[in-house]
C-alpha atoms as a PDB file:
ATOM      1  CA  MET A   1      -2.249  -0.921 -12.829  1.00  0.00           C
ATOM      2  CA  THR A   2      -0.649  -0.592 -16.204  1.00  0.00           C
ATOM      3  CA  ALA A   3       2.452   1.611 -16.360  1.00  0.00           C
ATOM      4  CA  PHE A   4       3.006   3.522 -19.601  1.00  0.00           C
ATOM      5  CA  PRO A   5       6.617   4.524 -20.451  1.00  0.00           C
ATOM      6  CA  PHE A   6       7.551   7.617 -22.429  1.00  0.00           C
ATOM      7  CA  GLU A   7       8.322   6.631 -26.039  1.00  0.00           C
ATOM      8  CA  PHE A   8       8.802   7.854 -29.610  1.00  0.00           C
ATOM      9  CA  GLU A   9       6.401   6.615 -32.271  1.00  0.00           C
ATOM     10  CA  TYR A  10       9.083   6.994 -34.991  1.00  0.00           C
ATOM     11  CA  PRO A  11      12.365   6.551 -33.068  1.00  0.00           C
ATOM     12  CA  TRP A  12      14.357   5.953 -36.269  1.00  0.00           C
ATOM     13  CA  LEU A  13      13.906   9.643 -37.112  1.00  0.00           C
ATOM     14  CA  LEU A  14      16.196  10.456 -34.173  1.00  0.00           C
ATOM     15  CA  LEU A  15      19.035   9.187 -36.377  1.00  0.00           C
ATOM     16  CA  LEU A  16      18.740  12.561 -38.142  1.00  0.00           C
ATOM     17  CA  LEU A  17      20.518  14.012 -35.117  1.00  0.00           C
ATOM     18  CA  ILE A  18      23.769  12.425 -36.357  1.00  0.00           C
ATOM     19  CA  PRO A  19      24.004  14.294 -39.690  1.00  0.00           C
ATOM     20  CA  TYR A  20      22.546  17.347 -37.958  1.00  0.00           C
ATOM     21  CA  ALA A  21      25.424  17.288 -35.460  1.00  0.00           C
ATOM     22  CA  ALA A  22      27.889  17.155 -38.366  1.00  0.00           C
ATOM     23  CA  ILE A  23      26.172  20.123 -40.033  1.00  0.00           C
ATOM     24  CA  LEU A  24      26.372  22.092 -36.783  1.00  0.00           C
ATOM     25  CA  PHE A  25      30.062  21.290 -36.445  1.00  0.00           C
ATOM     26  CA  PHE A  26      30.933  22.578 -39.906  1.00  0.00           C
ATOM     27  CA  ALA A  27      28.627  25.575 -39.485  1.00  0.00           C
ATOM     28  CA  TRP A  28      30.465  26.572 -36.313  1.00  0.00           C
ATOM     29  CA  ARG A  29      33.880  26.093 -37.917  1.00  0.00           C
ATOM     30  CA  ARG A  30      32.988  27.985 -41.103  1.00  0.00           C
ATOM     31  CA  LYS A  31      34.211  31.566 -41.249  1.00  0.00           C
ATOM     32  CA  GLU A  32      31.831  34.277 -42.300  1.00  0.00           C
ATOM     33  CA  PRO A  33      32.631  35.890 -45.687  1.00  0.00           C
ATOM     34  CA  SER A  34      33.941  39.284 -44.565  1.00  0.00           C
ATOM     35  CA  LEU A  35      33.738  40.843 -48.018  1.00  0.00           C
ATOM     36  CA  THR A  36      30.091  40.034 -48.456  1.00  0.00           C
ATOM     37  CA  VAL A  37      29.073  40.765 -44.861  1.00  0.00           C
ATOM     38  CA  PRO A  38      31.696  43.178 -43.488  1.00  0.00           C
ATOM     39  CA  SER A  39      31.886  43.889 -39.764  1.00  0.00           C
ATOM     40  CA  LEU A  40      33.029  46.816 -37.666  1.00  0.00           C
ATOM     41  CA  LEU A  41      34.566  44.415 -35.182  1.00  0.00           C
ATOM     42  CA  PRO A  42      38.189  44.783 -36.466  1.00  0.00           C
ATOM     43  CA  PHE A  43      37.945  48.551 -36.063  1.00  0.00           C
ATOM     44  CA  ARG A  44      36.549  48.212 -32.581  1.00  0.00           C
ATOM     45  CA  LEU A  45      39.301  45.803 -31.690  1.00  0.00           C
ATOM     46  CA  ALA A  46      41.874  48.218 -32.959  1.00  0.00           C
ATOM     47  CA  GLU A  47      40.388  50.953 -30.777  1.00  0.00           C
ATOM     48  CA  GLY A  48      40.212  48.596 -27.798  1.00  0.00           C
ATOM     49  CA  GLU A  49      36.417  48.815 -27.507  1.00  0.00           C
ATOM     50  CA  GLU A  50      35.773  45.079 -27.546  1.00  0.00           C
ATOM     51  CA  ASP A  51      37.782  41.906 -27.213  1.00  0.00           C
ATOM     52  CA  ARG A  52      37.565  38.639 -29.135  1.00  0.00           C
ATOM     53  CA  PRO A  53      36.129  36.419 -26.318  1.00  0.00           C
ATOM     54  CA  ARG A  54      33.098  38.690 -26.010  1.00  0.00           C
ATOM     55  CA  ALA A  55      32.465  38.491 -29.748  1.00  0.00           C
ATOM     56  CA  ASP A  56      32.790  34.694 -29.695  1.00  0.00           C
ATOM     57  CA  LEU A  57      30.355  34.510 -26.765  1.00  0.00           C
ATOM     58  CA  ARG A  58      27.725  36.442 -28.689  1.00  0.00           C
ATOM     59  CA  LYS A  59      28.201  34.212 -31.688  1.00  0.00           C
ATOM     60  CA  LEU A  60      27.878  31.148 -29.401  1.00  0.00           C
ATOM     61  CA  PHE A  61      24.497  32.314 -28.041  1.00  0.00           C
ATOM     62  CA  VAL A  62      23.084  32.707 -31.540  1.00  0.00           C
ATOM     63  CA  PHE A  63      24.540  29.370 -32.615  1.00  0.00           C
ATOM     64  CA  LEU A  64      23.088  27.513 -29.607  1.00  0.00           C
ATOM     65  CA  ALA A  65      19.635  29.031 -30.130  1.00  0.00           C
ATOM     66  CA  PHE A  66      19.477  27.867 -33.762  1.00  0.00           C
ATOM     67  CA  ALA A  67      20.988  24.463 -32.824  1.00  0.00           C
ATOM     68  CA  ALA A  68      18.352  23.911 -30.109  1.00  0.00           C
ATOM     69  CA  ALA A  69      15.599  24.793 -32.579  1.00  0.00           C
ATOM     70  CA  GLY A  70      16.798  22.039 -34.899  1.00  0.00           C
ATOM     71  CA  VAL A  71      17.038  19.465 -32.092  1.00  0.00           C
ATOM     72  CA  PHE A  72      13.482  20.148 -30.924  1.00  0.00           C
ATOM     73  CA  LEU A  73      12.236  19.985 -34.505  1.00  0.00           C
ATOM     74  CA  ILE A  74      13.790  16.549 -35.084  1.00  0.00           C
ATOM     75  CA  ALA A  75      12.493  15.311 -31.709  1.00  0.00           C
ATOM     76  CA  GLY A  76       8.998  16.500 -32.657  1.00  0.00           C
ATOM     77  CA  LEU A  77       9.160  14.614 -35.967  1.00  0.00           C
ATOM     78  CA  ALA A  78       9.956  11.422 -33.994  1.00  0.00           C
ATOM     79  CA  ARG A  79       6.545  11.874 -32.270  1.00  0.00           C
ATOM     80  CA  PRO A  80       7.231  11.718 -28.501  1.00  0.00           C
ATOM     81  CA  ARG A  81       4.236  10.468 -26.515  1.00  0.00           C
ATOM     82  CA  LYS A  82       3.116   8.815 -23.269  1.00  0.00           C
ATOM     83  CA  GLY A  83       0.198   6.429 -22.811  1.00  0.00           C
ATOM     84  CA  LEU A  84      -2.586   7.549 -20.479  1.00  0.00           C
ATOM     85  CA  GLU A  85      -4.814   4.465 -20.390  1.00  0.00           C
ATOM     86  CA  THR A  86      -5.801   1.356 -22.310  1.00  0.00           C
ATOM     87  CA  ILE A  87      -9.382   0.992 -23.507  1.00  0.00           C
ATOM     88  CA  ARG A  88     -10.443  -2.504 -24.475  1.00  0.00           C
ATOM     89  CA  ALA A  89     -13.216  -3.243 -26.914  1.00  0.00           C
ATOM     90  CA  LYS A  90     -16.152  -5.260 -25.622  1.00  0.00           C
ATOM     91  CA  SER A  91     -17.031  -8.403 -27.548  1.00  0.00           C
ATOM     92  CA  ASP A  92     -17.481 -11.592 -25.533  1.00  0.00           C
ATOM     93  CA  GLY A  93     -16.683 -10.795 -21.903  1.00  0.00           C
ATOM     94  CA  ILE A  94     -18.632 -11.024 -18.670  1.00  0.00           C
ATOM     95  CA  ASP A  95     -20.598  -8.231 -17.029  1.00  0.00           C
ATOM     96  CA  ILE A  96     -19.915  -7.998 -13.305  1.00  0.00           C
ATOM     97  CA  VAL A  97     -21.266  -5.824 -10.510  1.00  0.00           C
ATOM     98  CA  LEU A  98     -19.408  -5.761  -7.189  1.00  0.00           C
ATOM     99  CA  ALA A  99     -21.593  -4.823  -4.212  1.00  0.00           C
ATOM    100  CA  VAL A 100     -19.539  -3.771  -1.176  1.00  0.00           C
ATOM    101  CA  ASP A 101     -20.805  -3.200   2.368  1.00  0.00           C
ATOM    102  CA  LEU A 102     -19.799   0.211   3.758  1.00  0.00           C
ATOM    103  CA  SER A 103     -21.430  -0.059   7.183  1.00  0.00           C
ATOM    104  CA  GLY A 104     -19.418   0.969  10.232  1.00  0.00           C
ATOM    105  CA  SER A 105     -18.501  -2.620  11.046  1.00  0.00           C
ATOM    106  CA  MET A 106     -16.290  -2.720   7.933  1.00  0.00           C
ATOM    107  CA  SER A 107     -13.750  -0.705   9.948  1.00  0.00           C
ATOM    108  CA  ALA A 108     -13.228  -3.769  12.161  1.00  0.00           C
ATOM    109  CA  ILE A 109      -9.869  -5.527  11.990  1.00  0.00           C
ATOM    110  CA  ASP A 110      -9.825  -9.329  11.720  1.00  0.00           C
ATOM    111  CA  VAL A 111      -6.914 -10.944  13.530  1.00  0.00           C
ATOM    112  CA  PRO A 112      -5.746 -14.409  12.366  1.00  0.00           C
ATOM    113  CA  GLN A 113      -6.828 -17.148  14.769  1.00  0.00           C
ATOM    114  CA  HIS A 114      -3.265 -18.379  15.318  1.00  0.00           C
ATOM    115  CA  TYR A 115      -2.138 -15.041  16.767  1.00  0.00           C
ATOM    116  CA  SER A 116      -1.357 -15.095  20.479  1.00  0.00           C
ATOM    117  CA  ARG A 117      -2.642 -12.342  22.742  1.00  0.00           C
ATOM    118  CA  ALA A 118       0.766 -10.646  22.663  1.00  0.00           C
ATOM    119  CA  GLN A 119       0.930 -10.845  18.854  1.00  0.00           C
ATOM    120  CA  THR A 120      -2.602  -9.448  18.591  1.00  0.00           C
ATOM    121  CA  GLU A 121      -1.823  -6.497  20.852  1.00  0.00           C
ATOM    122  CA  ASP A 122       1.396  -5.794  18.972  1.00  0.00           C
ATOM    123  CA  ALA A 123      -0.303  -6.001  15.543  1.00  0.00           C
ATOM    124  CA  LEU A 124      -3.101  -3.645  16.630  1.00  0.00           C
ATOM    125  CA  ARG A 125      -0.770  -1.178  18.338  1.00  0.00           C
ATOM    126  CA  LYS A 126       1.576  -0.973  15.351  1.00  0.00           C
ATOM    127  CA  GLU A 127      -1.309  -1.057  12.803  1.00  0.00           C
ATOM    128  CA  LYS A 128       0.152  -4.063  10.983  1.00  0.00           C
ATOM    129  CA  LEU A 129      -3.292  -5.361   9.969  1.00  0.00           C
ATOM    130  CA  LYS A 130      -5.792  -3.698   7.626  1.00  0.00           C
ATOM    131  CA  ASN A 131      -9.469  -3.298   8.415  1.00  0.00           C
ATOM    132  CA  ARG A 132     -12.095  -5.304   6.558  1.00  0.00           C
ATOM    133  CA  LEU A 133     -12.808  -2.670   3.932  1.00  0.00           C
ATOM    134  CA  GLU A 134      -9.141  -2.033   3.100  1.00  0.00           C
ATOM    135  CA  ALA A 135      -8.463  -5.782   2.830  1.00  0.00           C
ATOM    136  CA  SER A 136     -11.528  -6.127   0.591  1.00  0.00           C
ATOM    137  CA  LYS A 137     -10.441  -3.251  -1.651  1.00  0.00           C
ATOM    138  CA  GLN A 138      -7.017  -4.797  -2.235  1.00  0.00           C
ATOM    139  CA  ALA A 139      -8.486  -8.191  -3.162  1.00  0.00           C
ATOM    140  CA  ILE A 140     -11.126  -6.561  -5.389  1.00  0.00           C
ATOM    141  CA  ALA A 141      -8.476  -4.423  -7.129  1.00  0.00           C
ATOM    142  CA  ARG A 142      -6.456  -7.531  -8.033  1.00  0.00           C
ATOM    143  CA  PHE A 143      -9.640  -9.179  -9.318  1.00  0.00           C
ATOM    144  CA  ILE A 144     -10.428  -6.159 -11.517  1.00  0.00           C
ATOM    145  CA  GLU A 145      -6.894  -6.026 -12.925  1.00  0.00           C
ATOM    146  CA  SER A 146      -7.059  -9.732 -13.836  1.00  0.00           C
ATOM    147  CA  ARG A 147     -10.179  -9.212 -16.005  1.00  0.00           C
ATOM    148  CA  PRO A 148      -9.355  -6.451 -18.528  1.00  0.00           C
ATOM    149  CA  GLY A 149     -11.979  -7.623 -21.043  1.00  0.00           C
ATOM    150  CA  ASP A 150     -14.966  -7.503 -18.678  1.00  0.00           C
ATOM    151  CA  ARG A 151     -17.313  -4.645 -17.921  1.00  0.00           C
ATOM    152  CA  ILE A 152     -17.264  -4.239 -14.147  1.00  0.00           C
ATOM    153  CA  GLY A 153     -19.456  -1.989 -12.023  1.00  0.00           C
ATOM    154  CA  LEU A 154     -19.373  -1.041  -8.341  1.00  0.00           C
ATOM    155  CA  ILE A 155     -22.232  -0.554  -5.869  1.00  0.00           C
ATOM    156  CA  ALA A 156     -21.703   0.533  -2.263  1.00  0.00           C
ATOM    157  CA  PHE A 157     -24.414  -0.134   0.279  1.00  0.00           C
ATOM    158  CA  ALA A 158     -25.321   0.500   3.876  1.00  0.00           C
ATOM    159  CA  ASP A 159     -28.866   1.651   4.672  1.00  0.00           C
ATOM    160  CA  ARG A 160     -29.404   2.106   0.933  1.00  0.00           C
ATOM    161  CA  PRO A 161     -27.453   1.123  -2.184  1.00  0.00           C
ATOM    162  CA  TYR A 162     -25.429   3.721  -4.077  1.00  0.00           C
ATOM    163  CA  VAL A 163     -24.019   3.178  -7.570  1.00  0.00           C
ATOM    164  CA  ILE A 164     -20.368   4.203  -7.369  1.00  0.00           C
ATOM    165  CA  CYS A 165     -19.598   3.201 -10.976  1.00  0.00           C
ATOM    166  CA  PRO A 166     -21.824   1.555 -13.622  1.00  0.00           C
ATOM    167  CA  PRO A 167     -20.392  -1.456 -15.500  1.00  0.00           C
ATOM    168  CA  THR A 168     -17.483  -0.129 -17.547  1.00  0.00           C
ATOM    169  CA  LEU A 169     -14.314  -1.130 -19.374  1.00  0.00           C
ATOM    170  CA  ASP A 170     -12.584   1.958 -17.971  1.00  0.00           C
ATOM    171  CA  HIS A 171     -10.989   0.090 -15.094  1.00  0.00           C
ATOM    172  CA  ALA A 172      -8.708   2.994 -14.157  1.00  0.00           C
ATOM    173  CA  PHE A 173     -11.796   5.067 -13.333  1.00  0.00           C
ATOM    174  CA  LEU A 174     -13.342   2.091 -11.521  1.00  0.00           C
ATOM    175  CA  LEU A 175     -10.262   1.538  -9.335  1.00  0.00           C
ATOM    176  CA  ALA A 176      -9.997   5.224  -8.499  1.00  0.00           C
ATOM    177  CA  ASN A 177     -13.574   5.175  -7.179  1.00  0.00           C
ATOM    178  CA  LEU A 178     -13.021   1.880  -5.361  1.00  0.00           C
ATOM    179  CA  PHE A 179     -10.163   3.294  -3.294  1.00  0.00           C
ATOM    180  CA  ARG A 180     -12.196   6.379  -2.349  1.00  0.00           C
ATOM    181  CA  MET A 181     -14.729   4.305  -0.420  1.00  0.00           C
ATOM    182  CA  GLN A 182     -14.710   4.516   3.388  1.00  0.00           C
ATOM    183  CA  PRO A 183     -16.835   2.906   6.139  1.00  0.00           C
ATOM    184  CA  GLN A 184     -20.034   4.801   7.022  1.00  0.00           C
ATOM    185  CA  MET A 185     -19.708   7.236   4.116  1.00  0.00           C
ATOM    186  CA  ILE A 186     -23.306   6.458   3.064  1.00  0.00           C
ATOM    187  CA  GLY A 187     -24.814   5.223   6.354  1.00  0.00           C
ATOM    188  CA  ASP A 188     -24.366   2.618   9.062  1.00  0.00           C
ATOM    189  CA  GLY A 189     -27.023  -0.060   8.499  1.00  0.00           C
ATOM    190  CA  THR A 190     -26.853  -3.172   6.316  1.00  0.00           C
ATOM    191  CA  GLY A 191     -29.553  -3.555   3.690  1.00  0.00           C
ATOM    192  CA  ILE A 192     -28.795  -6.612   1.541  1.00  0.00           C
ATOM    193  CA  ALA A 193     -31.846  -6.621  -0.743  1.00  0.00           C
ATOM    194  CA  GLY A 194     -31.184  -3.111  -2.090  1.00  0.00           C
ATOM    195  CA  PRO A 195     -27.774  -3.687  -3.700  1.00  0.00           C
ATOM    196  CA  ILE A 196     -28.940  -6.978  -5.240  1.00  0.00           C
ATOM    197  CA  ALA A 197     -31.969  -5.315  -6.849  1.00  0.00           C
ATOM    198  CA  SER A 198     -29.866  -2.363  -8.004  1.00  0.00           C
ATOM    199  CA  ALA A 199     -27.226  -4.669  -9.534  1.00  0.00           C
ATOM    200  CA  VAL A 200     -29.877  -6.728 -11.344  1.00  0.00           C
ATOM    201  CA  ASN A 201     -31.384  -3.532 -12.748  1.00  0.00           C
ATOM    202  CA  ARG A 202     -27.953  -2.634 -14.169  1.00  0.00           C
ATOM    203  CA  LEU A 203     -27.310  -6.082 -15.644  1.00  0.00           C
ATOM    204  CA  LYS A 204     -30.696  -7.320 -16.896  1.00  0.00           C
ATOM    205  CA  ASP A 205     -30.554  -5.629 -20.309  1.00  0.00           C
ATOM    206  CA  MET A 206     -26.899  -6.358 -21.087  1.00  0.00           C
ATOM    207  CA  ASP A 207     -26.144  -8.782 -23.918  1.00  0.00           C
ATOM    208  CA  SER A 208     -23.088 -10.497 -22.418  1.00  0.00           C
ATOM    209  CA  LYS A 209     -22.821 -14.278 -22.235  1.00  0.00           C
ATOM    210  CA  SER A 210     -22.681 -14.177 -18.433  1.00  0.00           C
ATOM    211  CA  ARG A 211     -23.823 -11.663 -15.810  1.00  0.00           C
ATOM    212  CA  ILE A 212     -22.770 -11.936 -12.198  1.00  0.00           C
ATOM    213  CA  VAL A 213     -23.000 -10.075  -8.883  1.00  0.00           C
ATOM    214  CA  VAL A 214     -20.432 -10.456  -6.109  1.00  0.00           C
ATOM    215  CA  LEU A 215     -21.820  -9.322  -2.739  1.00  0.00           C
ATOM    216  CA  PHE A 216     -19.418  -8.545   0.144  1.00  0.00           C
ATOM    217  CA  THR A 217     -20.807  -8.031   3.647  1.00  0.00           C
ATOM    218  CA  ASP A 218     -19.871  -8.550   7.281  1.00  0.00           C
ATOM    219  CA  GLY A 219     -23.358  -8.001   8.698  1.00  0.00           C
ATOM    220  CA  ALA A 220     -26.855  -9.391   8.823  1.00  0.00           C
ATOM    221  CA  ASN A 221     -29.752  -7.756   6.978  1.00  0.00           C
ATOM    222  CA  THR A 222     -30.920  -4.992   9.354  1.00  0.00           C
ATOM    223  CA  VAL A 223     -32.785  -2.664   6.978  1.00  0.00           C
ATOM    224  CA  PRO A 224     -36.435  -3.526   6.152  1.00  0.00           C
ATOM    225  CA  MET A 225     -37.281  -2.908   2.490  1.00  0.00           C
ATOM    226  CA  GLN A 226     -40.183  -3.593   0.138  1.00  0.00           C
ATOM    227  CA  ILE A 227     -38.560  -6.883  -0.872  1.00  0.00           C
ATOM    228  CA  THR A 228     -36.528  -9.367   1.136  1.00  0.00           C
ATOM    229  CA  PRO A 229     -32.991 -10.478   0.198  1.00  0.00           C
ATOM    230  CA  GLU A 230     -34.416 -13.857  -0.880  1.00  0.00           C
ATOM    231  CA  GLU A 231     -36.955 -12.160  -3.168  1.00  0.00           C
ATOM    232  CA  ALA A 232     -34.171 -10.016  -4.628  1.00  0.00           C
ATOM    233  CA  ALA A 233     -32.194 -13.206  -5.318  1.00  0.00           C
ATOM    234  CA  LYS A 234     -35.203 -14.742  -7.097  1.00  0.00           C
ATOM    235  CA  LEU A 235     -35.448 -11.576  -9.206  1.00  0.00           C
ATOM    236  CA  ALA A 236     -31.775 -12.032 -10.147  1.00  0.00           C
ATOM    237  CA  ASP A 237     -32.423 -15.650 -11.100  1.00  0.00           C
ATOM    238  CA  THR A 238     -35.326 -14.539 -13.331  1.00  0.00           C
ATOM    239  CA  PHE A 239     -32.933 -12.400 -15.354  1.00  0.00           C
ATOM    240  CA  LYS A 240     -30.217 -15.093 -15.334  1.00  0.00           C
ATOM    241  CA  VAL A 241     -27.913 -13.132 -13.034  1.00  0.00           C
ATOM    242  CA  THR A 242     -25.664 -15.282 -10.836  1.00  0.00           C
ATOM    243  CA  ILE A 243     -24.857 -14.075  -7.332  1.00  0.00           C
ATOM    244  CA  TYR A 244     -21.690 -14.960  -5.412  1.00  0.00           C
ATOM    245  CA  THR A 245     -21.712 -13.967  -1.736  1.00  0.00           C
ATOM    246  CA  VAL A 246     -18.716 -13.346   0.512  1.00  0.00           C
ATOM    247  CA  GLY A 247     -19.218 -13.261   4.288  1.00  0.00           C
ATOM    248  CA  ILE A 248     -16.457 -11.294   6.010  1.00  0.00           C
ATOM    249  CA  GLY A 249     -15.492 -11.987   9.613  1.00  0.00           C
ATOM    250  CA  SER A 250     -13.198 -14.161  11.701  1.00  0.00           C
ATOM    251  CA  GLY A 251     -14.801 -14.241  15.126  1.00  0.00           C
ATOM    252  CA  ASN A 252     -11.588 -12.601  16.345  1.00  0.00           C
ATOM    253  CA  ALA A 253     -12.124  -8.985  15.347  1.00  0.00           C
ATOM    254  CA  TYR A 254     -11.475  -5.621  16.984  1.00  0.00           C
ATOM    255  CA  VAL A 255     -12.751  -2.106  16.339  1.00  0.00           C
ATOM    256  CA  PRO A 256     -11.096   1.219  17.207  1.00  0.00           C
ATOM    257  CA  SER A 257     -12.435   2.898  20.331  1.00  0.00           C
ATOM    258  CA  PRO A 258     -11.462   5.899  22.482  1.00  0.00           C
ATOM    259  CA  PHE A 259      -9.573   3.457  24.719  1.00  0.00           C
ATOM    260  CA  GLY A 260      -7.687   1.631  21.936  1.00  0.00           C
ATOM    261  CA  TYR A 261      -9.333  -1.452  20.466  1.00  0.00           C
ATOM    262  CA  GLU A 262     -12.224  -3.528  21.745  1.00  0.00           C
ATOM    263  CA  PRO A 263     -13.510  -6.954  20.597  1.00  0.00           C
ATOM    264  CA  TYR A 264     -16.182  -6.974  17.908  1.00  0.00           C
ATOM    265  CA  PRO A 265     -18.561  -9.951  17.542  1.00  0.00           C
ATOM    266  CA  GLU A 266     -19.075 -11.712  14.215  1.00  0.00           C
ATOM    267  CA  GLN A 267     -22.445 -10.637  12.810  1.00  0.00           C
ATOM    268  CA  PHE A 268     -22.892 -11.756   9.205  1.00  0.00           C
ATOM    269  CA  ASP A 269     -25.806 -14.064   8.455  1.00  0.00           C
ATOM    270  CA  GLU A 270     -24.088 -17.063   6.870  1.00  0.00           C
ATOM    271  CA  LYS A 271     -27.368 -18.939   6.336  1.00  0.00           C
ATOM    272  CA  LEU A 272     -28.883 -16.025   4.399  1.00  0.00           C
ATOM    273  CA  LEU A 273     -25.779 -15.546   2.262  1.00  0.00           C
ATOM    274  CA  ARG A 274     -25.718 -19.236   1.380  1.00  0.00           C
ATOM    275  CA  GLU A 275     -29.385 -19.142   0.402  1.00  0.00           C
ATOM    276  CA  ILE A 276     -28.972 -16.051  -1.803  1.00  0.00           C
ATOM    277  CA  ALA A 277     -26.104 -17.703  -3.696  1.00  0.00           C
ATOM    278  CA  SER A 278     -27.960 -21.026  -3.960  1.00  0.00           C
ATOM    279  CA  ILE A 279     -31.109 -19.452  -5.462  1.00  0.00           C
ATOM    280  CA  THR A 280     -29.114 -18.099  -8.439  1.00  0.00           C
ATOM    281  CA  GLY A 281     -26.730 -21.033  -8.873  1.00  0.00           C
ATOM    282  CA  GLY A 282     -23.813 -19.157  -7.349  1.00  0.00           C
ATOM    283  CA  LYS A 283     -21.578 -19.977  -4.381  1.00  0.00           C
ATOM    284  CA  TYR A 284     -20.961 -18.652  -0.902  1.00  0.00           C
ATOM    285  CA  TYR A 285     -17.456 -17.945   0.429  1.00  0.00           C
ATOM    286  CA  HIS A 286     -16.273 -17.145   3.930  1.00  0.00           C
ATOM    287  CA  ALA A 287     -13.395 -14.660   4.158  1.00  0.00           C
ATOM    288  CA  ALA A 288     -11.963 -14.709   7.667  1.00  0.00           C
ATOM    289  CA  ASP A 289      -9.274 -12.121   6.842  1.00  0.00           C
ATOM    290  CA  GLY A 290      -7.418 -10.506   3.956  1.00  0.00           C
ATOM    291  CA  ASP A 291      -5.978 -13.831   2.788  1.00  0.00           C
ATOM    292  CA  GLY A 292      -9.434 -15.392   2.855  1.00  0.00           C
ATOM    293  CA  MET A 293     -10.772 -12.531   0.761  1.00  0.00           C
ATOM    294  CA  THR A 294      -8.016 -13.046  -1.813  1.00  0.00           C
ATOM    295  CA  GLN A 295      -8.747 -16.790  -1.990  1.00  0.00           C
ATOM    296  CA  ALA A 296     -12.463 -16.127  -2.470  1.00  0.00           C
ATOM    297  CA  MET A 297     -11.812 -13.724  -5.347  1.00  0.00           C
ATOM    298  CA  ARG A 298      -9.430 -16.186  -6.996  1.00  0.00           C
ATOM    299  CA  ALA A 299     -12.064 -18.917  -6.796  1.00  0.00           C
ATOM    300  CA  ILE A 300     -14.693 -16.663  -8.399  1.00  0.00           C
ATOM    301  CA  ASP A 301     -12.189 -15.620 -11.047  1.00  0.00           C
ATOM    302  CA  LYS A 302     -11.632 -19.288 -12.000  1.00  0.00           C
ATOM    303  CA  LEU A 303     -15.353 -20.077 -12.109  1.00  0.00           C
ATOM    304  CA  GLU A 304     -16.246 -17.130 -14.346  1.00  0.00           C
ATOM    305  CA  LYS A 305     -13.763 -17.247 -17.194  1.00  0.00           C
ATOM    306  CA  THR A 306     -13.791 -14.687 -19.980  1.00  0.00           C
ATOM    307  CA  GLY A 307     -13.434 -15.393 -23.670  1.00  0.00           C
ATOM    308  CA  ALA A 308     -10.392 -14.547 -25.757  1.00  0.00           C
ATOM    309  CA  GLU A 309      -8.285 -11.511 -24.970  1.00  0.00           C
ATOM    310  CA  GLN A 310     -10.018  -8.386 -26.213  1.00  0.00           C
ATOM    311  CA  PRO A 311      -8.380  -5.930 -28.635  1.00  0.00           C
ATOM    312  CA  ALA A 312      -7.088  -2.817 -26.902  1.00  0.00           C
ATOM    313  CA  MET A 313      -6.619   0.816 -27.847  1.00  0.00           C
ATOM    314  CA  THR A 314      -4.221   3.042 -25.934  1.00  0.00           C
ATOM    315  CA  VAL A 315      -5.026   6.708 -25.380  1.00  0.00           C
ATOM    316  CA  TRP A 316      -1.835   8.716 -25.890  1.00  0.00           C
ATOM    317  CA  LYS A 317      -0.707  12.134 -24.777  1.00  0.00           C
ATOM    318  CA  GLU A 318       1.261  13.642 -27.678  1.00  0.00           C
ATOM    319  CA  TYR A 319       4.254  15.924 -27.050  1.00  0.00           C
ATOM    320  CA  TYR A 320       5.100  16.917 -30.648  1.00  0.00           C
ATOM    321  CA  PRO A 321       3.124  20.206 -30.394  1.00  0.00           C
ATOM    322  CA  THR A 322       5.266  21.141 -27.383  1.00  0.00           C
ATOM    323  CA  MET A 323       8.427  20.272 -29.342  1.00  0.00           C
ATOM    324  CA  ALA A 324       7.243  22.380 -32.293  1.00  0.00           C
ATOM    325  CA  TRP A 325       6.594  25.381 -30.055  1.00  0.00           C
ATOM    326  CA  CYS A 326      10.037  24.989 -28.459  1.00  0.00           C
ATOM    327  CA  ALA A 327      11.676  24.833 -31.902  1.00  0.00           C
ATOM    328  CA  ALA A 328       9.828  27.973 -32.990  1.00  0.00           C
ATOM    329  CA  GLY A 329      10.774  29.717 -29.741  1.00  0.00           C
ATOM    330  CA  PHE A 330      14.490  29.009 -30.104  1.00  0.00           C
ATOM    331  CA  MET A 331      14.384  30.025 -33.775  1.00  0.00           C
ATOM    332  CA  LEU A 332      12.828  33.382 -32.842  1.00  0.00           C
ATOM    333  CA  LEU A 333      15.345  33.788 -30.021  1.00  0.00           C
ATOM    334  CA  GLY A 334      18.232  33.206 -32.424  1.00  0.00           C
ATOM    335  CA  LEU A 335      16.844  35.733 -34.909  1.00  0.00           C
ATOM    336  CA  ALA A 336      16.283  38.250 -32.107  1.00  0.00           C
ATOM    337  CA  LEU A 337      19.833  37.846 -30.794  1.00  0.00           C
ATOM    338  CA  ARG A 338      21.337  38.162 -34.268  1.00  0.00           C
ATOM    339  CA  SER A 339      19.323  41.325 -34.919  1.00  0.00           C
ATOM    340  CA  THR A 340      20.024  43.044 -31.587  1.00  0.00           C
ATOM    341  CA  VAL A 341      22.962  42.312 -29.285  1.00  0.00           C
ATOM    342  CA  CYS A 342      24.783  40.315 -31.973  1.00  0.00           C
ATOM    343  CA  TRP A 343      23.849  42.638 -34.834  1.00  0.00           C
ATOM    344  CA  ARG A 344      26.345  43.305 -37.633  1.00  0.00           C
ATOM    345  CA  PHE A 345      26.369  46.128 -40.161  1.00  0.00           C
ATOM    346  CA  PRO A 346      25.911  45.103 -43.812  1.00  0.00           C
END
């Protein structure tokens, strides 16, 4: 994600601090005109009521209060600010909906085939490997960050589809919702037709040059609906929506159990996923583990290229009002000190 540093919009105005420092130096060194503004301090000193260090300390407090007011005022004029997010204008990008399986099997952990039994037990015991959903979220996040000019939406599905985020250019909001997803948060079945139909409904009226759906699942279609996954794919093809499918599973997977981890069989329907992609002119990818997921997303990213880089607008948080209030506060403090504890008789 984009990191926004703290900055000044008009940093050259901070050069005013140099002459201001000189003014403060001469103001501190300048003696007050005793004839115009006489003081009772000499009489008090003569009577032993007050000593010089205490008088200088009072004068220092007043001086520092007024000096701080000036510093905050100059800093406010330089316009301190921090970027919150970047919003990119939509002109010629691609509209994308990511449909992610949240059934319970997405908590399974795929172990690379080359791992020995000892390596597998060690990796599971020390939690070195991520489950299917976490590996998917990381690969999807990198895909989202690589396409700043595209509207991207997110649909989660299990028994039924649920729109997590409609297609948007606010990718910070999209990523925040992506990382909130957990297995079984909306059910435990796998209905493949529902998310396809829901994604097509979101994309069919959009005016982008290309509209795509990327479907991630590790299971077969187990939820009967009014339409089949193949019919949903034909509906997508009618509205010129391309579907890419990603089957997740290695054949060497384990799921948490009360007794540690137990083997989990590969269940996704590769034939169905290939057919869905073929109907719409898309492609099918097999992701055996986190690396496979990353490779699949890179391949889709290369196939669906965006147009030119889109113009961006950064939303800023401005700090000059805070600086102005601080300047006013120190000014009032200096006046209060000069009129009370550091008060002099005219």
